Amino acid sequence: MLTTTSTDSSLTLIFQDSTIVAMSDGAKAAFAHRAALFVRDHYDEYRDVRRVNIRFATSRYAFPAAALGLPPDSTSGHD
């Protein structure tokens, strides 16, 4: 299950899937980073986001948008 919230220029994804929760901390961190990059590449309002927060039932990760960079080919719209 995935829940999203967006407030104060932050976007939060909350993963509640027990398979993800059972991952090691390192695997969760890598999954969280991939999820944040997916947001960067697919969320139309990403330019207004300053932080992408990824949360699991037992841990959370935050990625400043400046650290994620711009989406690839940021000059064109999404197909």
Protein backbone atom coordinates (compact mmCIF):
# COMPACT_ATOMS: atom_id res chain seq x y z
CA MET A 1 0.00 0.00 0.00
CA LEU A 2 1.27 3.47 -0.90
CA THR A 3 0.02 6.74 0.58
CA THR A 4 1.10 10.18 -0.63
CA THR A 5 0.85 13.59 1.00
CA SER A 6 2.09 16.95 -0.16
CA THR A 7 2.57 19.94 2.14
CA ASP A 8 4.96 22.88 2.44
CA SER A 9 6.83 22.00 -0.78
CA SER A 10 7.43 18.45 0.45
CA LEU A 11 6.07 15.25 -1.04
CA THR A 12 5.82 12.22 1.23
CA LEU A 13 5.40 8.63 0.06
CA ILE A 14 4.48 6.11 2.75
CA PHE A 15 5.04 2.43 1.94
CA GLN A 16 3.18 0.01 4.17
CA ASP A 17 3.92 -3.22 2.29
CA SER A 18 5.23 -5.86 4.72
CA THR A 19 7.74 -7.10 2.11
CA ILE A 20 9.45 -3.71 2.09
CA VAL A 21 9.27 -3.31 5.87
CA ALA A 22 11.11 -6.64 6.25
CA MET A 23 14.08 -5.43 4.15
CA SER A 24 17.42 -4.60 5.75
CA ASP A 25 18.16 -0.94 6.45
CA GLY A 26 20.54 -0.78 3.50
CA ALA A 27 17.98 -2.30 1.12
CA LYS A 28 15.30 0.12 2.40
CA ALA A 29 17.64 3.09 1.87
CA ALA A 30 18.34 1.98 -1.71
CA PHE A 31 14.62 1.41 -2.37
CA ALA A 32 13.83 4.84 -0.90
CA HIS A 33 16.39 6.51 -3.15
CA ARG A 34 14.97 4.77 -6.24
CA ALA A 35 11.47 5.85 -5.21
CA ALA A 36 12.64 9.48 -4.82
CA LEU A 37 14.23 9.36 -8.28
CA PHE A 38 10.99 7.95 -9.69
CA VAL A 39 9.17 10.95 -8.20
CA ARG A 40 11.74 13.27 -9.77
CA ASP A 41 11.26 11.69 -13.19
CA HIS A 42 7.46 11.27 -13.19
CA TYR A 43 5.76 13.75 -10.85
CA ASP A 44 4.62 16.74 -12.94
CA GLU A 45 4.84 19.20 -10.03
CA TYR A 46 8.37 18.10 -9.05
CA ARG A 47 9.79 21.57 -9.79
CA ASP A 48 7.77 22.90 -6.83
CA VAL A 49 9.02 20.17 -4.45
CA ARG A 50 11.91 20.97 -2.12
CA ARG A 51 12.04 17.61 -0.35
CA VAL A 52 10.91 14.06 -1.12
CA ASN A 53 10.21 12.06 2.04
CA ILE A 54 10.03 8.27 1.85
CA ARG A 55 8.59 6.53 4.89
CA PHE A 56 8.15 2.91 5.87
CA ALA A 57 6.36 1.53 8.90
CA THR A 58 9.65 1.46 10.83
CA SER A 59 11.94 4.03 9.16
CA ARG A 60 12.04 7.17 7.03
CA TYR A 61 14.34 8.82 4.51
CA ALA A 62 14.40 12.37 3.13
CA PHE A 63 16.01 13.56 -0.10
CA PRO A 64 16.36 17.30 -0.77
CA ALA A 65 15.25 18.02 -4.34
CA ALA A 66 18.52 19.89 -4.90
CA ALA A 67 20.40 16.64 -4.22
CA LEU A 68 18.18 14.67 -6.63
CA GLY A 69 18.68 17.17 -9.44
CA LEU A 70 16.43 17.89 -12.37
CA PRO A 71 14.57 15.18 -14.25
CA PRO A 72 16.35 13.85 -17.31
CA ASP A 73 15.42 15.95 -20.35
CA SER A 74 13.81 18.55 -18.11
CA THR A 75 13.14 20.82 -21.08
CA SER A 76 10.31 18.69 -22.49
CA GLY A 77 7.00 17.57 -21.04
CA HIS A 78 6.16 14.04 -19.98
CA ASP A 79 4.78 11.71 -22.62
